[in-house]
Amino acid sequence: MAQLLLEVFIIYLVLSFLLTCFMITKMYWVDHKANNKKYGLARRTQLIQTGRWRQLPLYPMDEIAKDKNLGEVRFTIFPNDDGVRRKYAIILPGGGYAHTITVPEGYCIAAKMNELGYTAFVLEYRTGFACRPYAPMHDLYRLVKYITEHAEELNVLPEDYTLIGFSAGGNLAGIYGTEEYGWKKYGTLRPGALILGYPWTNINHWFEHPYWNIWEGLLGIWMQERGNLFMFRGHQTRELRDSVCVQYWIRPGYPPVYMFTGDDDILVKAGAHTDVMAQALKANGIPYMYQKFFGVPHGVGLAVGTNAEGWLEEAVAFWEKSVER
């Protein structure tokens, strides 16, 4: 009997490992087509050729001289084409707080926002070993402050802006929407809405939502602990770890939220993240729209050619409707 159980367990390990490898391979294959990197890069080329490309360090040189890690932070301005002064969007690419996936989850989204008539800013915040506790949140604060102070020069309306975040960028956007760790703490204007793509919202509670596939569990542990290492280093407490779990900090008055995910997301499972956040939003009476798309994996960006294609247009319509209330 013991031998039979061992053989069944080995078969389970092998089959679940192969399934996990298949899902990861599928993710990269779908992402390669769905991100449409050429679209974002073409917009960058167009802006360069017309003399409108601007990529700037977020911090001044005297601050960078004191902390060289601040030199890692920059933002790129994607101005709209019609010159009409409108609300703006800040785009926060993902990358697990290890790096930022700038082109597929930054430039491509900014290009589409330009097409829809909005000026967009892509923020490359501190990640990896350049990161410090709440450094990405502080970087976002500095960008919001900069845009607010230079709104006329940048030809944007400072109120009712939106944050568009993906994966870890979705965590950053979600935390910035809170009063305790976001806009109110830093004294900036509140976002008009949050737009979240497959957001990594519930970083530190993977095991509260068990899965039958042990390899998915190991992926979750690796992502969780890597993110905590970069954010908090070795001095971690339960309080610090919970401070970046968005659902704990949603209160009445939290910004309206549009979020989407896919049921093939193997890295940020809906049941442990977006489902949990949706419950917190509902419990606090926050307007939200939650889309879960069939057959869509993690990291799709614009999601061209998938069941999620068109999600950004839907999200922008939600944003516009939210700020009219």
C-alpha atoms as a PDB file:
ATOM      1  CA  MET A   1       0.000   0.000   0.000  1.00  0.00           C
ATOM      2  CA  ALA A   2       2.810   2.376   0.909  1.00  0.00           C
ATOM      3  CA  GLN A   3       4.531   1.631  -2.406  1.00  0.00           C
ATOM      4  CA  LEU A   4       1.316   2.356  -4.311  1.00  0.00           C
ATOM      5  CA  LEU A   5       0.848   5.668  -2.521  1.00  0.00           C
ATOM      6  CA  LEU A   6       4.446   6.614  -3.285  1.00  0.00           C
ATOM      7  CA  GLU A   7       3.966   5.815  -6.955  1.00  0.00           C
ATOM      8  CA  VAL A   8       0.739   7.841  -7.081  1.00  0.00           C
ATOM      9  CA  PHE A   9       2.510  10.760  -5.398  1.00  0.00           C
ATOM     10  CA  ILE A  10       5.395  10.613  -7.883  1.00  0.00           C
ATOM     11  CA  ILE A  11       2.933  10.520 -10.804  1.00  0.00           C
ATOM     12  CA  TYR A  12       1.138  13.524  -9.293  1.00  0.00           C
ATOM     13  CA  LEU A  13       4.431  15.441  -8.992  1.00  0.00           C
ATOM     14  CA  VAL A  14       5.437  14.664 -12.562  1.00  0.00           C
ATOM     15  CA  LEU A  15       2.065  15.403 -14.144  1.00  0.00           C
ATOM     16  CA  SER A  16       1.530  18.616 -12.156  1.00  0.00           C
ATOM     17  CA  PHE A  17       5.071  19.732 -13.000  1.00  0.00           C
ATOM     18  CA  LEU A  18       4.450  19.125 -16.709  1.00  0.00           C
ATOM     19  CA  LEU A  19       1.144  20.984 -16.500  1.00  0.00           C
ATOM     20  CA  THR A  20       2.866  23.920 -14.790  1.00  0.00           C
ATOM     21  CA  CYS A  21       5.567  23.995 -17.472  1.00  0.00           C
ATOM     22  CA  PHE A  22       2.863  23.954 -20.134  1.00  0.00           C
ATOM     23  CA  MET A  23       1.000  26.839 -18.491  1.00  0.00           C
ATOM     24  CA  ILE A  24       4.165  28.920 -18.204  1.00  0.00           C
ATOM     25  CA  THR A  25       5.088  28.204 -21.834  1.00  0.00           C
ATOM     26  CA  LYS A  26       1.573  29.134 -22.901  1.00  0.00           C
ATOM     27  CA  MET A  27       1.821  32.354 -20.907  1.00  0.00           C
ATOM     28  CA  TYR A  28       4.987  33.438 -22.702  1.00  0.00           C
ATOM     29  CA  TRP A  29       3.565  32.444 -26.087  1.00  0.00           C
ATOM     30  CA  VAL A  30       0.290  34.318 -25.576  1.00  0.00           C
ATOM     31  CA  ASP A  31       2.085  37.324 -24.083  1.00  0.00           C
ATOM     32  CA  HIS A  32       4.396  37.530 -27.086  1.00  0.00           C
ATOM     33  CA  LYS A  33       1.398  38.077 -29.350  1.00  0.00           C
ATOM     34  CA  ALA A  34      -0.921  39.881 -26.963  1.00  0.00           C
ATOM     35  CA  ASN A  35       1.460  42.597 -25.753  1.00  0.00           C
ATOM     36  CA  ASN A  36       1.925  44.075 -29.238  1.00  0.00           C
ATOM     37  CA  LYS A  37       5.318  45.596 -28.345  1.00  0.00           C
ATOM     38  CA  LYS A  38       5.692  46.990 -31.870  1.00  0.00           C
ATOM     39  CA  TYR A  39       2.715  49.245 -31.238  1.00  0.00           C
ATOM     40  CA  GLY A  40       4.322  50.879 -28.211  1.00  0.00           C
ATOM     41  CA  LEU A  41       7.733  51.145 -29.836  1.00  0.00           C
ATOM     42  CA  ALA A  42       6.185  52.662 -32.972  1.00  0.00           C
ATOM     43  CA  ARG A  43       4.588  55.370 -30.836  1.00  0.00           C
ATOM     44  CA  ARG A  44       7.953  56.067 -29.203  1.00  0.00           C
ATOM     45  CA  THR A  45       9.580  56.378 -32.635  1.00  0.00           C
ATOM     46  CA  GLN A  46       6.826  58.718 -33.786  1.00  0.00           C
ATOM     47  CA  LEU A  47       7.334  60.958 -30.749  1.00  0.00           C
ATOM     48  CA  ILE A  48      11.115  60.980 -31.285  1.00  0.00           C
ATOM     49  CA  GLN A  49      10.751  61.904 -34.948  1.00  0.00           C
ATOM     50  CA  THR A  50       8.398  64.770 -34.125  1.00  0.00           C
ATOM     51  CA  GLY A  51      10.604  66.055 -31.310  1.00  0.00           C
ATOM     52  CA  ARG A  52       8.048  65.272 -28.599  1.00  0.00           C
ATOM     53  CA  TRP A  53       9.820  62.406 -26.843  1.00  0.00           C
ATOM     54  CA  ARG A  54      10.643  63.239 -23.220  1.00  0.00           C
ATOM     55  CA  GLN A  55      12.171  60.818 -20.736  1.00  0.00           C
ATOM     56  CA  LEU A  56      13.343  62.428 -17.520  1.00  0.00           C
ATOM     57  CA  PRO A  57      14.880  61.484 -14.179  1.00  0.00           C
ATOM     58  CA  LEU A  58      12.331  61.907 -11.422  1.00  0.00           C
ATOM     59  CA  TYR A  59      14.791  63.123  -8.803  1.00  0.00           C
ATOM     60  CA  PRO A  60      17.170  66.108  -9.088  1.00  0.00           C
ATOM     61  CA  MET A  61      20.921  65.520  -9.219  1.00  0.00           C
ATOM     62  CA  ASP A  62      21.571  66.706  -5.665  1.00  0.00           C
ATOM     63  CA  GLU A  63      19.256  63.997  -4.309  1.00  0.00           C
ATOM     64  CA  ILE A  64      20.752  61.369  -6.624  1.00  0.00           C
ATOM     65  CA  ALA A  65      24.234  62.359  -5.393  1.00  0.00           C
ATOM     66  CA  LYS A  66      23.135  61.470  -1.845  1.00  0.00           C
ATOM     67  CA  ASP A  67      21.419  58.228  -2.892  1.00  0.00           C
ATOM     68  CA  LYS A  68      22.514  56.716  -6.197  1.00  0.00           C
ATOM     69  CA  ASN A  69      19.493  54.390  -6.182  1.00  0.00           C
ATOM     70  CA  LEU A  70      17.312  57.401  -6.984  1.00  0.00           C
ATOM     71  CA  GLY A  71      19.059  57.542 -10.349  1.00  0.00           C
ATOM     72  CA  GLU A  72      17.179  54.365 -11.291  1.00  0.00           C
ATOM     73  CA  VAL A  73      13.867  56.246 -11.290  1.00  0.00           C
ATOM     74  CA  ARG A  74      12.656  57.920 -14.472  1.00  0.00           C
ATOM     75  CA  PHE A  75       9.416  58.739 -16.177  1.00  0.00           C
ATOM     76  CA  THR A  76       8.430  59.009 -19.811  1.00  0.00           C
ATOM     77  CA  ILE A  77       5.847  61.481 -21.097  1.00  0.00           C
ATOM     78  CA  PHE A  78       3.479  60.382 -23.839  1.00  0.00           C
ATOM     79  CA  PRO A  79       1.572  63.568 -24.805  1.00  0.00           C
ATOM     80  CA  ASN A  80      -1.755  63.355 -26.574  1.00  0.00           C
ATOM     81  CA  ASP A  81      -1.943  64.495 -30.187  1.00  0.00           C
ATOM     82  CA  ASP A  82      -4.921  66.827 -30.244  1.00  0.00           C
ATOM     83  CA  GLY A  83      -3.572  69.196 -27.601  1.00  0.00           C
ATOM     84  CA  VAL A  84      -6.813  69.177 -25.607  1.00  0.00           C
ATOM     85  CA  ARG A  85      -6.169  69.516 -21.878  1.00  0.00           C
ATOM     86  CA  ARG A  86      -7.644  66.467 -20.150  1.00  0.00           C
ATOM     87  CA  LYS A  87      -7.145  64.246 -17.145  1.00  0.00           C
ATOM     88  CA  TYR A  88      -3.990  62.155 -17.265  1.00  0.00           C
ATOM     89  CA  ALA A  89      -2.904  58.594 -16.557  1.00  0.00           C
ATOM     90  CA  ILE A  90       0.162  57.271 -14.753  1.00  0.00           C
ATOM     91  CA  ILE A  91       1.140  53.797 -15.920  1.00  0.00           C
ATOM     92  CA  LEU A  92       2.891  51.437 -13.507  1.00  0.00           C
ATOM     93  CA  PRO A  93       4.403  48.360 -15.192  1.00  0.00           C
ATOM     94  CA  GLY A  94       4.739  45.107 -13.272  1.00  0.00           C
ATOM     95  CA  GLY A  95       7.756  42.947 -12.562  1.00  0.00           C
ATOM     96  CA  GLY A  96       7.337  41.595  -9.022  1.00  0.00           C
ATOM     97  CA  TYR A  97       9.273  44.555  -7.559  1.00  0.00           C
ATOM     98  CA  ALA A  98      12.359  42.922  -9.120  1.00  0.00           C
ATOM     99  CA  HIS A  99      12.280  45.057 -12.299  1.00  0.00           C
ATOM    100  CA  THR A 100       9.767  46.948 -14.445  1.00  0.00           C
ATOM    101  CA  ILE A 101       8.386  45.495 -17.673  1.00  0.00           C
ATOM    102  CA  THR A 102       8.462  48.863 -19.351  1.00  0.00           C
ATOM    103  CA  VAL A 103       7.638  48.274 -23.011  1.00  0.00           C
ATOM    104  CA  PRO A 104       4.699  45.797 -22.964  1.00  0.00           C
ATOM    105  CA  GLU A 105       3.082  47.114 -19.783  1.00  0.00           C
ATOM    106  CA  GLY A 106       4.225  50.718 -20.136  1.00  0.00           C
ATOM    107  CA  TYR A 107       4.805  52.089 -23.630  1.00  0.00           C
ATOM    108  CA  CYS A 108       2.069  50.005 -25.256  1.00  0.00           C
ATOM    109  CA  ILE A 109      -0.522  51.134 -22.723  1.00  0.00           C
ATOM    110  CA  ALA A 110       0.619  54.748 -23.035  1.00  0.00           C
ATOM    111  CA  ALA A 111       0.315  54.538 -26.817  1.00  0.00           C
ATOM    112  CA  LYS A 112      -3.260  53.312 -26.514  1.00  0.00           C
ATOM    113  CA  MET A 113      -4.067  56.060 -24.008  1.00  0.00           C
ATOM    114  CA  ASN A 114      -2.716  58.590 -26.536  1.00  0.00           C
ATOM    115  CA  GLU A 115      -4.968  57.051 -29.155  1.00  0.00           C
ATOM    116  CA  LEU A 116      -7.889  57.549 -26.775  1.00  0.00           C
ATOM    117  CA  GLY A 117      -6.914  61.207 -26.337  1.00  0.00           C
ATOM    118  CA  TYR A 118      -5.087  61.186 -22.985  1.00  0.00           C
ATOM    119  CA  THR A 119      -1.575  62.178 -21.975  1.00  0.00           C
ATOM    120  CA  ALA A 120       0.135  59.334 -20.149  1.00  0.00           C
ATOM    121  CA  PHE A 121       3.205  59.037 -17.948  1.00  0.00           C
ATOM    122  CA  VAL A 122       5.138  55.773 -17.619  1.00  0.00           C
ATOM    123  CA  LEU A 123       6.930  55.474 -14.277  1.00  0.00           C
ATOM    124  CA  GLU A 124       9.971  53.242 -13.827  1.00  0.00           C
ATOM    125  CA  TYR A 125      10.042  53.091 -10.035  1.00  0.00           C
ATOM    126  CA  ARG A 126      12.713  51.632  -7.782  1.00  0.00           C
ATOM    127  CA  THR A 127      12.892  47.837  -7.899  1.00  0.00           C
ATOM    128  CA  GLY A 128      15.327  45.054  -7.065  1.00  0.00           C
ATOM    129  CA  PHE A 129      18.211  45.958  -4.787  1.00  0.00           C
ATOM    130  CA  ALA A 130      17.638  49.667  -5.517  1.00  0.00           C
ATOM    131  CA  CYS A 131      14.333  49.364  -3.660  1.00  0.00           C
ATOM    132  CA  ARG A 132      13.732  50.292  -0.028  1.00  0.00           C
ATOM    133  CA  PRO A 133      10.642  50.057   2.220  1.00  0.00           C
ATOM    134  CA  TYR A 134       7.803  51.803   0.374  1.00  0.00           C
ATOM    135  CA  ALA A 135      10.258  53.269  -2.165  1.00  0.00           C
ATOM    136  CA  PRO A 136       7.910  52.599  -5.133  1.00  0.00           C
ATOM    137  CA  MET A 137       5.116  54.414  -3.284  1.00  0.00           C
ATOM    138  CA  HIS A 138       7.415  57.363  -2.616  1.00  0.00           C
ATOM    139  CA  ASP A 139       8.457  57.434  -6.287  1.00  0.00           C
ATOM    140  CA  LEU A 140       4.813  57.512  -7.327  1.00  0.00           C
ATOM    141  CA  TYR A 141       4.152  60.335  -4.881  1.00  0.00           C
ATOM    142  CA  ARG A 142       6.993  62.357  -6.356  1.00  0.00           C
ATOM    143  CA  LEU A 143       5.625  61.890  -9.872  1.00  0.00           C
ATOM    144  CA  VAL A 144       2.078  62.892  -8.865  1.00  0.00           C
ATOM    145  CA  LYS A 145       3.547  65.939  -7.089  1.00  0.00           C
ATOM    146  CA  TYR A 146       5.633  66.847 -10.150  1.00  0.00           C
ATOM    147  CA  ILE A 147       2.681  66.554 -12.527  1.00  0.00           C
ATOM    148  CA  THR A 148       0.427  68.557 -10.209  1.00  0.00           C
ATOM    149  CA  GLU A 149       2.989  71.345  -9.935  1.00  0.00           C
ATOM    150  CA  HIS A 150       3.644  71.387 -13.710  1.00  0.00           C
ATOM    151  CA  ALA A 151       0.099  70.648 -14.887  1.00  0.00           C
ATOM    152  CA  GLU A 152      -0.160  73.733 -17.091  1.00  0.00           C
ATOM    153  CA  GLU A 153       3.212  73.109 -18.738  1.00  0.00           C
ATOM    154  CA  LEU A 154       2.330  69.430 -19.277  1.00  0.00           C
ATOM    155  CA  ASN A 155      -1.117  70.398 -20.591  1.00  0.00           C
ATOM    156  CA  VAL A 156      -3.049  68.144 -18.207  1.00  0.00           C
ATOM    157  CA  LEU A 157      -5.771  68.575 -15.610  1.00  0.00           C
ATOM    158  CA  PRO A 158      -4.337  67.604 -12.218  1.00  0.00           C
ATOM    159  CA  GLU A 159      -7.568  66.319 -10.665  1.00  0.00           C
ATOM    160  CA  ASP A 160      -9.167  62.902 -11.124  1.00  0.00           C
ATOM    161  CA  TYR A 161      -6.108  61.249 -12.669  1.00  0.00           C
ATOM    162  CA  THR A 162      -5.994  57.483 -12.983  1.00  0.00           C
ATOM    163  CA  LEU A 163      -3.325  54.981 -12.025  1.00  0.00           C
ATOM    164  CA  ILE A 164      -2.987  52.027 -14.407  1.00  0.00           C
ATOM    165  CA  GLY A 165      -1.027  49.234 -12.748  1.00  0.00           C
ATOM    166  CA  PHE A 166      -0.122  45.710 -13.775  1.00  0.00           C
ATOM    167  CA  SER A 167       0.832  42.842 -11.452  1.00  0.00           C
ATOM    168  CA  ALA A 168       3.229  44.452  -8.908  1.00  0.00           C
ATOM    169  CA  GLY A 169       2.357  47.803 -10.486  1.00  0.00           C
ATOM    170  CA  GLY A 170      -1.228  46.940  -9.589  1.00  0.00           C
ATOM    171  CA  ASN A 171      -0.120  46.427  -6.003  1.00  0.00           C
ATOM    172  CA  LEU A 172       1.588  49.831  -6.080  1.00  0.00           C
ATOM    173  CA  ALA A 173      -1.514  51.518  -7.523  1.00  0.00           C
ATOM    174  CA  GLY A 174      -3.749  49.737  -5.015  1.00  0.00           C
ATOM    175  CA  ILE A 175      -1.624  50.810  -2.049  1.00  0.00           C
ATOM    176  CA  TYR A 176      -1.446  54.384  -3.336  1.00  0.00           C
ATOM    177  CA  GLY A 177      -5.232  54.452  -3.351  1.00  0.00           C
ATOM    178  CA  THR A 178      -5.221  53.953   0.432  1.00  0.00           C
ATOM    179  CA  GLU A 179      -5.175  56.721   2.982  1.00  0.00           C
ATOM    180  CA  GLU A 180      -2.721  54.989   5.323  1.00  0.00           C
ATOM    181  CA  TYR A 181       0.053  54.279   2.816  1.00  0.00           C
ATOM    182  CA  GLY A 182      -0.886  56.302  -0.254  1.00  0.00           C
ATOM    183  CA  TRP A 183      -2.255  59.607  -1.475  1.00  0.00           C
ATOM    184  CA  LYS A 184      -3.425  60.970   1.881  1.00  0.00           C
ATOM    185  CA  LYS A 185      -0.208  60.035   3.687  1.00  0.00           C
ATOM    186  CA  TYR A 186       1.803  61.913   1.045  1.00  0.00           C
ATOM    187  CA  GLY A 187      -0.610  64.834   0.778  1.00  0.00           C
ATOM    188  CA  THR A 188      -1.436  64.534  -2.921  1.00  0.00           C
ATOM    189  CA  LEU A 189      -4.721  64.575  -4.773  1.00  0.00           C
ATOM    190  CA  ARG A 190      -6.662  61.327  -4.624  1.00  0.00           C
ATOM    191  CA  PRO A 191      -6.767  59.296  -7.848  1.00  0.00           C
ATOM    192  CA  GLY A 192     -10.082  59.538  -9.670  1.00  0.00           C
ATOM    193  CA  ALA A 193      -9.979  55.786 -10.312  1.00  0.00           C
ATOM    194  CA  LEU A 194      -7.619  52.828 -10.276  1.00  0.00           C
ATOM    195  CA  ILE A 195      -7.250  50.594 -13.318  1.00  0.00           C
ATOM    196  CA  LEU A 196      -5.621  47.283 -12.402  1.00  0.00           C
ATOM    197  CA  GLY A 197      -4.480  44.522 -14.724  1.00  0.00           C
ATOM    198  CA  TYR A 198      -4.019  41.115 -13.037  1.00  0.00           C
ATOM    199  CA  PRO A 199      -2.947  42.967  -9.850  1.00  0.00           C
ATOM    200  CA  TRP A 200      -0.730  41.291  -7.245  1.00  0.00           C
ATOM    201  CA  THR A 201      -2.790  42.644  -4.379  1.00  0.00           C
ATOM    202  CA  ASN A 202      -2.615  40.012  -1.641  1.00  0.00           C
ATOM    203  CA  ILE A 203       1.128  39.483  -1.553  1.00  0.00           C
ATOM    204  CA  ASN A 204       1.633  37.768   1.779  1.00  0.00           C
ATOM    205  CA  HIS A 205      -1.272  35.402   2.199  1.00  0.00           C
ATOM    206  CA  TRP A 206      -0.745  32.780  -0.464  1.00  0.00           C
ATOM    207  CA  PHE A 207      -1.327  29.834   1.853  1.00  0.00           C
ATOM    208  CA  GLU A 208      -4.719  31.092   2.949  1.00  0.00           C
ATOM    209  CA  HIS A 209      -5.882  30.050  -0.524  1.00  0.00           C
ATOM    210  CA  PRO A 210      -4.476  26.552  -1.117  1.00  0.00           C
ATOM    211  CA  TYR A 211      -4.181  24.967  -4.554  1.00  0.00           C
ATOM    212  CA  TRP A 212      -3.917  21.377  -5.580  1.00  0.00           C
ATOM    213  CA  ASN A 213      -0.770  22.017  -7.646  1.00  0.00           C
ATOM    214  CA  ILE A 214       2.297  22.105  -5.397  1.00  0.00           C
ATOM    215  CA  TRP A 215       4.370  23.784  -8.128  1.00  0.00           C
ATOM    216  CA  GLU A 216       1.976  26.734  -8.225  1.00  0.00           C
ATOM    217  CA  GLY A 217       2.420  26.982  -4.466  1.00  0.00           C
ATOM    218  CA  LEU A 218       6.200  27.071  -4.839  1.00  0.00           C
ATOM    219  CA  LEU A 219       5.904  29.769  -7.521  1.00  0.00           C
ATOM    220  CA  GLY A 220       3.733  31.773  -5.151  1.00  0.00           C
ATOM    221  CA  ILE A 221       6.205  31.425  -2.280  1.00  0.00           C
ATOM    222  CA  TRP A 222       9.112  32.453  -4.494  1.00  0.00           C
ATOM    223  CA  MET A 223       7.313  35.544  -5.809  1.00  0.00           C
ATOM    224  CA  GLN A 224       6.072  36.476  -2.338  1.00  0.00           C
ATOM    225  CA  GLU A 225       9.435  36.205  -0.612  1.00  0.00           C
ATOM    226  CA  ARG A 226      11.352  37.823  -3.466  1.00  0.00           C
ATOM    227  CA  GLY A 227       9.003  40.813  -3.346  1.00  0.00           C
ATOM    228  CA  ASN A 228       9.332  41.079   0.428  1.00  0.00           C
ATOM    229  CA  LEU A 229      13.119  40.853   0.207  1.00  0.00           C
ATOM    230  CA  PHE A 230      13.330  43.765  -2.230  1.00  0.00           C
ATOM    231  CA  MET A 231      10.735  45.851  -0.393  1.00  0.00           C
ATOM    232  CA  PHE A 232      11.689  45.233   3.240  1.00  0.00           C
ATOM    233  CA  ARG A 233      15.078  43.466   3.166  1.00  0.00           C
ATOM    234  CA  GLY A 234      15.702  41.111   6.095  1.00  0.00           C
ATOM    235  CA  HIS A 235      13.921  43.190   8.730  1.00  0.00           C
ATOM    236  CA  GLN A 236      10.395  41.971   8.105  1.00  0.00           C
ATOM    237  CA  THR A 237       7.501  41.924  10.523  1.00  0.00           C
ATOM    238  CA  ARG A 238       3.936  40.753  10.069  1.00  0.00           C
ATOM    239  CA  GLU A 239       2.869  44.395  10.247  1.00  0.00           C
ATOM    240  CA  LEU A 240       5.183  45.366   7.388  1.00  0.00           C
ATOM    241  CA  ARG A 241       4.139  42.409   5.258  1.00  0.00           C
ATOM    242  CA  ASP A 242       0.441  43.110   5.806  1.00  0.00           C
ATOM    243  CA  SER A 243       0.958  46.780   4.918  1.00  0.00           C
ATOM    244  CA  VAL A 244       1.329  45.874   1.228  1.00  0.00           C
ATOM    245  CA  CYS A 245      -1.762  43.635   1.136  1.00  0.00           C
ATOM    246  CA  VAL A 246      -4.252  46.022  -0.436  1.00  0.00           C
ATOM    247  CA  GLN A 247      -7.475  44.501   0.871  1.00  0.00           C
ATOM    248  CA  TYR A 248      -6.626  45.372   4.493  1.00  0.00           C
ATOM    249  CA  TRP A 249      -6.537  49.100   3.752  1.00  0.00           C
ATOM    250  CA  ILE A 250      -9.657  49.609   1.681  1.00  0.00           C
ATOM    251  CA  ARG A 251     -11.998  52.007   3.442  1.00  0.00           C
ATOM    252  CA  PRO A 252     -15.085  54.019   2.417  1.00  0.00           C
ATOM    253  CA  GLY A 253     -13.724  56.760   0.163  1.00  0.00           C
ATOM    254  CA  TYR A 254     -11.246  54.462  -1.599  1.00  0.00           C
ATOM    255  CA  PRO A 255     -11.080  55.306  -5.341  1.00  0.00           C
ATOM    256  CA  PRO A 256     -13.354  53.424  -7.767  1.00  0.00           C
ATOM    257  CA  VAL A 257     -11.624  50.387  -9.247  1.00  0.00           C
ATOM    258  CA  TYR A 258     -11.641  48.654 -12.603  1.00  0.00           C
ATOM    259  CA  MET A 259      -9.683  45.404 -12.592  1.00  0.00           C
ATOM    260  CA  PHE A 260      -9.299  42.419 -14.833  1.00  0.00           C
ATOM    261  CA  THR A 261      -7.576  39.071 -14.686  1.00  0.00           C
ATOM    262  CA  GLY A 262      -7.552  35.803 -16.605  1.00  0.00           C
ATOM    263  CA  ASP A 263      -8.490  32.330 -15.460  1.00  0.00           C
ATOM    264  CA  ASP A 264      -5.208  30.998 -16.893  1.00  0.00           C
ATOM    265  CA  ASP A 265      -3.075  33.275 -14.683  1.00  0.00           C
ATOM    266  CA  ILE A 266      -0.624  30.918 -12.981  1.00  0.00           C
ATOM    267  CA  LEU A 267       1.445  33.624 -11.260  1.00  0.00           C
ATOM    268  CA  VAL A 268      -1.264  35.792  -9.655  1.00  0.00           C
ATOM    269  CA  LYS A 269      -4.231  33.524  -9.088  1.00  0.00           C
ATOM    270  CA  ALA A 270      -7.607  35.258  -9.085  1.00  0.00           C
ATOM    271  CA  GLY A 271      -8.810  33.378  -6.013  1.00  0.00           C
ATOM    272  CA  ALA A 272      -5.975  34.734  -3.868  1.00  0.00           C
ATOM    273  CA  HIS A 273      -5.815  38.256  -5.274  1.00  0.00           C
ATOM    274  CA  THR A 274      -8.528  39.884  -7.393  1.00  0.00           C
ATOM    275  CA  ASP A 275     -11.342  37.857  -5.804  1.00  0.00           C
ATOM    276  CA  VAL A 276     -10.133  38.916  -2.359  1.00  0.00           C
ATOM    277  CA  MET A 277      -9.886  42.554  -3.397  1.00  0.00           C
ATOM    278  CA  ALA A 278     -13.342  42.472  -4.965  1.00  0.00           C
ATOM    279  CA  GLN A 279     -14.764  41.240  -1.652  1.00  0.00           C
ATOM    280  CA  ALA A 280     -13.088  44.129   0.209  1.00  0.00           C
ATOM    281  CA  LEU A 281     -14.360  46.680  -2.313  1.00  0.00           C
ATOM    282  CA  LYS A 282     -17.896  45.330  -2.060  1.00  0.00           C
ATOM    283  CA  ALA A 283     -17.791  45.279   1.744  1.00  0.00           C
ATOM    284  CA  ASN A 284     -16.810  48.955   1.816  1.00  0.00           C
ATOM    285  CA  GLY A 285     -19.270  50.113  -0.822  1.00  0.00           C
ATOM    286  CA  ILE A 286     -16.598  51.107  -3.360  1.00  0.00           C
ATOM    287  CA  PRO A 287     -17.750  51.297  -7.005  1.00  0.00           C
ATOM    288  CA  TYR A 288     -15.868  48.697  -8.996  1.00  0.00           C
ATOM    289  CA  MET A 289     -15.943  46.648 -12.169  1.00  0.00           C
ATOM    290  CA  TYR A 290     -14.250  43.252 -12.159  1.00  0.00           C
ATOM    291  CA  GLN A 291     -13.672  41.237 -15.313  1.00  0.00           C
ATOM    292  CA  LYS A 292     -12.322  37.687 -15.345  1.00  0.00           C
ATOM    293  CA  PHE A 293     -11.534  36.551 -18.880  1.00  0.00           C
ATOM    294  CA  PHE A 294     -11.506  32.947 -20.063  1.00  0.00           C
ATOM    295  CA  GLY A 295      -8.219  31.546 -21.365  1.00  0.00           C
ATOM    296  CA  VAL A 296      -6.157  34.655 -20.532  1.00  0.00           C
ATOM    297  CA  PRO A 297      -2.806  34.240 -18.702  1.00  0.00           C
ATOM    298  CA  HIS A 298      -0.656  36.658 -16.735  1.00  0.00           C
ATOM    299  CA  GLY A 299       1.225  39.517 -18.376  1.00  0.00           C
ATOM    300  CA  VAL A 300      -0.939  40.120 -21.469  1.00  0.00           C
ATOM    301  CA  GLY A 301      -0.802  43.945 -21.394  1.00  0.00           C
ATOM    302  CA  LEU A 302      -3.179  45.197 -24.085  1.00  0.00           C
ATOM    303  CA  ALA A 303      -4.338  41.576 -24.509  1.00  0.00           C
ATOM    304  CA  VAL A 304      -4.510  41.809 -28.318  1.00  0.00           C
ATOM    305  CA  GLY A 305      -6.052  38.692 -29.850  1.00  0.00           C
ATOM    306  CA  THR A 306      -7.334  37.352 -26.517  1.00  0.00           C
ATOM    307  CA  ASN A 307     -10.743  37.348 -24.865  1.00  0.00           C
ATOM    308  CA  ALA A 308      -9.622  40.398 -22.883  1.00  0.00           C
ATOM    309  CA  GLU A 309      -8.951  42.564 -25.943  1.00  0.00           C
ATOM    310  CA  GLY A 310     -10.636  45.927 -25.526  1.00  0.00           C
ATOM    311  CA  TRP A 311     -10.384  45.908 -21.741  1.00  0.00           C
ATOM    312  CA  LEU A 312      -8.566  49.275 -21.681  1.00  0.00           C
ATOM    313  CA  GLU A 313     -11.321  51.065 -23.583  1.00  0.00           C
ATOM    314  CA  GLU A 314     -13.822  49.594 -21.107  1.00  0.00           C
ATOM    315  CA  ALA A 315     -11.639  50.679 -18.187  1.00  0.00           C
ATOM    316  CA  VAL A 316     -11.319  54.245 -19.497  1.00  0.00           C
ATOM    317  CA  ALA A 317     -15.100  54.456 -19.873  1.00  0.00           C
ATOM    318  CA  PHE A 318     -15.411  53.281 -16.248  1.00  0.00           C
ATOM    319  CA  TRP A 319     -12.911  55.959 -15.157  1.00  0.00           C
ATOM    320  CA  GLU A 320     -14.793  58.698 -16.983  1.00  0.00           C
ATOM    321  CA  LYS A 321     -18.114  57.593 -15.531  1.00  0.00           C
ATOM    322  CA  SER A 322     -16.639  57.375 -12.026  1.00  0.00           C
ATOM    323  CA  VAL A 323     -15.332  60.937 -11.956  1.00  0.00           C
ATOM    324  CA  GLU A 324     -18.668  62.290 -13.219  1.00  0.00           C
ATOM    325  CA  ARG A 325     -20.419  61.156 -10.010  1.00  0.00           C
END
